[in-house]
Amino acid sequence: MPTKTFYRLRDEKQDTILRAAVHEFVKNGFTRAKTNDIAQMAGISKGSLFQYFENKKELFIHCAKWGLEVFMKKLDEQMNIGDMDIYEYFQDSKAKTELVREEGELASFMQVVMNEPGLQDESMKSMYDLGNIYTTKLIQNGKRKGTVRSDIDDELLLCYFSAVTERFSQRWFKLYIGDISEEPSAEAEQSMKNELELMLDLLKKGMGC
């Protein structure tokens, strides 16, 4: 975790440091990433960097959590996900695809996190913990709206939802999003839309009212 000193920095400065770290991790991976280069890109000394983070590992793990926070905050601004239920959240995949392209380096870093030996479990846990907070809110919204079964515990619904959506999301990124620097073809967009409808049907049959 970051130190209290890091959290005393202005939000803009925190953002600059973390984006510099993400850039270096994407470029070189965790093992070969150089804290000297991160500090130089962020415009701080290496000593200052280690006043903010105990070591490179702590910086990497925090970047994973922060990256997901950036995505969720921007999605909320675009879609107002705080008022959505599970199905409404996935209904429009375009906003998410556009955000992945807008935040291309951050999206690439998420792939690094999922494939980094030795750090995968800790990094993914920090992301899952945050993601579960948002997902549980969507489930509770669905119960309130009468679109999600209220006779099943939130934790069990979360398990089912995560199992269905995680594999679909990995498939979409691999098959239809691919090179985040390029726009998907019309055929890819239609295929993704068709599979999205199938996934939503699976969710509704398993957890819907």
Protein backbone atom coordinates (compact mmCIF):
# COMPACT_ATOMS: atom_id res chain seq x y z
CA MET A 1 0.00 0.00 0.00
CA PRO A 2 1.11 3.60 -0.53
CA THR A 3 2.37 5.52 2.47
CA LYS A 4 0.49 8.41 4.06
CA THR A 5 3.02 10.71 2.39
CA PHE A 6 1.78 9.59 -1.04
CA TYR A 7 -1.82 10.37 -0.18
CA ARG A 8 -0.81 13.89 0.87
CA LEU A 9 0.18 14.63 -2.73
CA ARG A 10 -2.23 16.41 -5.05
CA ASP A 11 -4.41 14.02 -7.08
CA GLU A 12 -2.71 15.20 -10.26
CA LYS A 13 0.74 14.32 -8.90
CA GLN A 14 -0.43 10.89 -7.72
CA ASP A 15 -1.82 10.29 -11.20
CA THR A 16 1.47 11.32 -12.83
CA ILE A 17 3.50 8.93 -10.67
CA LEU A 18 1.16 5.98 -11.20
CA ARG A 19 0.93 6.51 -14.95
CA ALA A 20 4.71 6.66 -15.15
CA ALA A 21 4.86 3.35 -13.29
CA VAL A 22 2.21 1.78 -15.54
CA HIS A 23 4.16 2.88 -18.62
CA GLU A 24 7.36 1.26 -17.32
CA PHE A 25 5.60 -1.95 -16.27
CA VAL A 26 3.92 -2.28 -19.68
CA LYS A 27 7.20 -1.61 -21.46
CA ASN A 28 9.44 -3.92 -19.44
CA GLY A 29 7.30 -6.10 -17.19
CA PHE A 30 7.69 -6.16 -13.43
CA THR A 31 11.12 -7.78 -13.17
CA ARG A 32 12.91 -5.55 -15.69
CA ALA A 33 11.06 -2.34 -14.80
CA LYS A 34 13.43 0.29 -13.38
CA THR A 35 12.38 2.52 -10.51
CA ASN A 36 14.93 5.09 -11.69
CA ASP A 37 13.07 5.40 -14.99
CA ILE A 38 9.70 5.59 -13.23
CA ALA A 39 10.94 8.40 -10.98
CA GLN A 40 12.50 10.27 -13.90
CA MET A 41 9.32 10.08 -15.98
CA ALA A 42 7.24 11.19 -12.99
CA GLY A 43 9.56 14.15 -12.34
CA ILE A 44 10.59 13.04 -8.85
CA SER A 45 13.70 11.58 -7.25
CA LYS A 46 14.08 7.86 -6.66
CA GLY A 47 14.25 8.62 -2.95
CA SER A 48 10.87 10.34 -3.11
CA LEU A 49 9.39 7.34 -4.91
CA PHE A 50 10.42 5.10 -2.02
CA GLN A 51 8.91 7.57 0.43
CA TYR A 52 5.61 6.89 -1.30
CA PHE A 53 5.95 3.11 -1.78
CA GLU A 54 7.97 0.67 0.30
CA ASN A 55 9.19 -1.19 -2.78
CA LYS A 56 8.50 -1.87 -6.45
CA LYS A 57 6.13 -4.71 -5.60
CA GLU A 58 3.89 -2.44 -3.53
CA LEU A 59 3.86 0.08 -6.38
CA PHE A 60 2.86 -2.61 -8.89
CA ILE A 61 0.03 -3.94 -6.74
CA HIS A 62 -1.32 -0.46 -6.07
CA CYS A 63 -1.21 0.37 -9.78
CA ALA A 64 -3.47 -2.65 -10.41
CA LYS A 65 -6.10 -1.43 -7.95
CA TRP A 66 -5.78 2.18 -9.10
CA GLY A 67 -6.14 1.17 -12.75
CA LEU A 68 -9.47 -0.51 -12.09
CA GLU A 69 -10.60 2.54 -10.10
CA VAL A 70 -9.85 4.74 -13.12
CA PHE A 71 -11.92 2.50 -15.40
CA MET A 72 -14.87 2.29 -12.99
CA LYS A 73 -14.88 6.04 -12.33
CA LYS A 74 -14.89 6.85 -16.04
CA LEU A 75 -17.59 4.27 -16.75
CA ASP A 76 -19.72 5.73 -13.97
CA GLU A 77 -19.33 9.20 -15.50
CA GLN A 78 -20.43 7.89 -18.91
CA MET A 79 -23.11 5.41 -17.87
CA ASN A 80 -24.17 6.34 -14.32
CA ILE A 81 -23.58 2.74 -13.20
CA GLY A 82 -24.58 3.62 -9.65
CA ASP A 83 -28.25 3.36 -10.70
CA MET A 84 -27.92 0.31 -12.96
CA ASP A 85 -28.61 -3.34 -12.35
CA ILE A 86 -26.48 -6.23 -13.60
CA TYR A 87 -28.16 -6.45 -17.01
CA GLU A 88 -28.23 -2.73 -17.74
CA TYR A 89 -24.52 -2.53 -17.01
CA PHE A 90 -23.69 -5.00 -19.77
CA GLN A 91 -26.37 -3.91 -22.21
CA ASP A 92 -24.12 -1.37 -23.94
CA SER A 93 -20.65 -2.71 -24.69
CA LYS A 94 -19.68 0.27 -26.85
CA ALA A 95 -18.85 2.57 -23.94
CA LYS A 96 -16.55 -0.05 -22.43
CA THR A 97 -14.81 -0.76 -25.74
CA GLU A 98 -14.24 2.95 -26.32
CA LEU A 99 -12.84 3.35 -22.82
CA VAL A 100 -10.41 0.47 -23.37
CA ARG A 101 -9.11 2.29 -26.44
CA GLU A 102 -9.01 5.65 -24.69
CA GLU A 103 -7.00 4.14 -21.84
CA GLY A 104 -4.98 1.81 -24.03
CA GLU A 105 -1.83 1.70 -21.93
CA LEU A 106 -3.83 1.10 -18.77
CA ALA A 107 -5.73 -1.71 -20.50
CA SER A 108 -2.40 -3.22 -21.57
CA PHE A 109 -1.19 -3.00 -17.97
CA MET A 110 -4.21 -5.01 -16.82
CA GLN A 111 -3.05 -7.77 -19.17
CA VAL A 112 0.43 -7.55 -17.64
CA VAL A 113 -1.11 -7.91 -14.17
CA MET A 114 -3.01 -11.05 -15.16
CA ASN A 115 0.13 -12.68 -16.53
CA GLU A 116 2.83 -11.58 -14.08
CA PRO A 117 4.32 -14.68 -12.38
CA GLY A 118 4.56 -14.43 -8.62
CA LEU A 119 2.50 -11.26 -8.34
CA GLN A 120 -0.67 -12.37 -10.06
CA ASP A 121 -2.50 -13.51 -6.93
CA GLU A 122 -1.85 -10.37 -4.86
CA SER A 123 -2.45 -7.96 -7.73
CA MET A 124 -5.60 -9.69 -8.92
CA LYS A 125 -6.95 -9.86 -5.38
CA SER A 126 -6.76 -6.09 -5.02
CA MET A 127 -8.63 -5.73 -8.32
CA TYR A 128 -11.21 -8.39 -7.49
CA ASP A 129 -11.91 -6.87 -4.08
CA LEU A 130 -12.67 -3.51 -5.65
CA GLY A 131 -14.62 -5.02 -8.54
CA ASN A 132 -16.74 -7.04 -6.12
CA ILE A 133 -17.83 -3.84 -4.39
CA TYR A 134 -19.19 -2.44 -7.66
CA THR A 135 -20.75 -5.74 -8.70
CA THR A 136 -22.49 -6.24 -5.37
CA LYS A 137 -24.01 -2.78 -5.76
CA LEU A 138 -25.36 -3.78 -9.20
CA ILE A 139 -26.82 -6.96 -7.69
CA GLN A 140 -28.48 -4.99 -4.89
CA ASN A 141 -29.87 -2.53 -7.43
CA GLY A 142 -31.33 -5.49 -9.31
CA LYS A 143 -32.98 -6.83 -6.19
CA ARG A 144 -34.45 -3.41 -5.48
CA LYS A 145 -35.76 -3.14 -9.06
CA GLY A 146 -37.12 -6.68 -9.02
CA THR A 147 -34.84 -7.93 -11.83
CA VAL A 148 -32.57 -10.13 -9.67
CA ARG A 149 -33.68 -12.95 -7.38
CA SER A 150 -33.98 -11.76 -3.80
CA ASP A 151 -34.07 -15.30 -2.35
CA ILE A 152 -30.36 -15.85 -3.06
CA ASP A 153 -27.56 -14.36 -0.97
CA ASP A 154 -25.56 -11.53 -2.57
CA GLU A 155 -22.32 -13.51 -2.19
CA LEU A 156 -23.68 -16.50 -4.11
CA LEU A 157 -25.05 -14.25 -6.85
CA LEU A 158 -21.66 -12.56 -7.04
CA CYS A 159 -19.97 -15.96 -7.52
CA TYR A 160 -22.33 -16.88 -10.35
CA PHE A 161 -22.04 -13.50 -12.03
CA SER A 162 -18.24 -13.51 -11.85
CA ALA A 163 -17.98 -17.03 -13.26
CA VAL A 164 -20.14 -16.17 -16.27
CA THR A 165 -18.76 -12.73 -17.11
CA GLU A 166 -15.04 -13.25 -16.52
CA ARG A 167 -14.58 -15.88 -19.22
CA PHE A 168 -16.77 -13.94 -21.65
CA SER A 169 -14.74 -10.77 -21.05
CA GLN A 170 -11.45 -12.59 -21.68
CA ARG A 171 -12.88 -14.04 -24.88
CA TRP A 172 -14.08 -10.65 -26.14
CA PHE A 173 -10.75 -8.97 -25.50
CA LYS A 174 -8.89 -11.73 -27.33
CA LEU A 175 -11.23 -12.15 -30.30
CA TYR A 176 -12.97 -8.83 -30.86
CA ILE A 177 -10.99 -6.04 -29.24
CA GLY A 178 -7.48 -7.32 -29.93
CA ASP A 179 -5.26 -4.45 -31.00
CA ILE A 180 -6.55 -1.60 -28.87
CA SER A 181 -5.04 0.95 -31.24
CA GLU A 182 -7.49 -0.03 -34.00
CA GLU A 183 -11.25 0.22 -34.30
CA PRO A 184 -13.03 -3.16 -34.36
CA SER A 185 -14.58 -4.20 -37.66
CA ALA A 186 -18.34 -4.10 -38.12
CA GLU A 187 -18.33 -7.90 -38.17
CA ALA A 188 -16.44 -8.07 -34.86
CA GLU A 189 -18.82 -5.58 -33.25
CA GLN A 190 -21.84 -7.60 -34.37
CA SER A 191 -20.31 -10.86 -33.12
CA MET A 192 -19.57 -9.29 -29.77
CA LYS A 193 -23.12 -7.92 -29.58
CA ASN A 194 -24.58 -11.35 -30.35
CA GLU A 195 -22.48 -13.02 -27.67
CA LEU A 196 -23.36 -10.27 -25.21
CA GLU A 197 -27.05 -11.04 -25.68
CA LEU A 198 -26.36 -14.73 -25.06
CA MET A 199 -24.41 -13.93 -21.90
CA LEU A 200 -27.21 -11.72 -20.60
CA ASP A 201 -29.67 -14.54 -21.29
CA LEU A 202 -27.51 -16.90 -19.21
CA LEU A 203 -27.42 -14.38 -16.37
CA LYS A 204 -31.18 -13.80 -16.45
CA LYS A 205 -31.95 -17.54 -16.46
CA GLY A 206 -29.58 -18.15 -13.58
CA MET A 207 -30.19 -15.16 -11.32
CA GLY A 208 -33.11 -13.24 -12.78
CA CYS A 209 -36.69 -13.02 -11.59
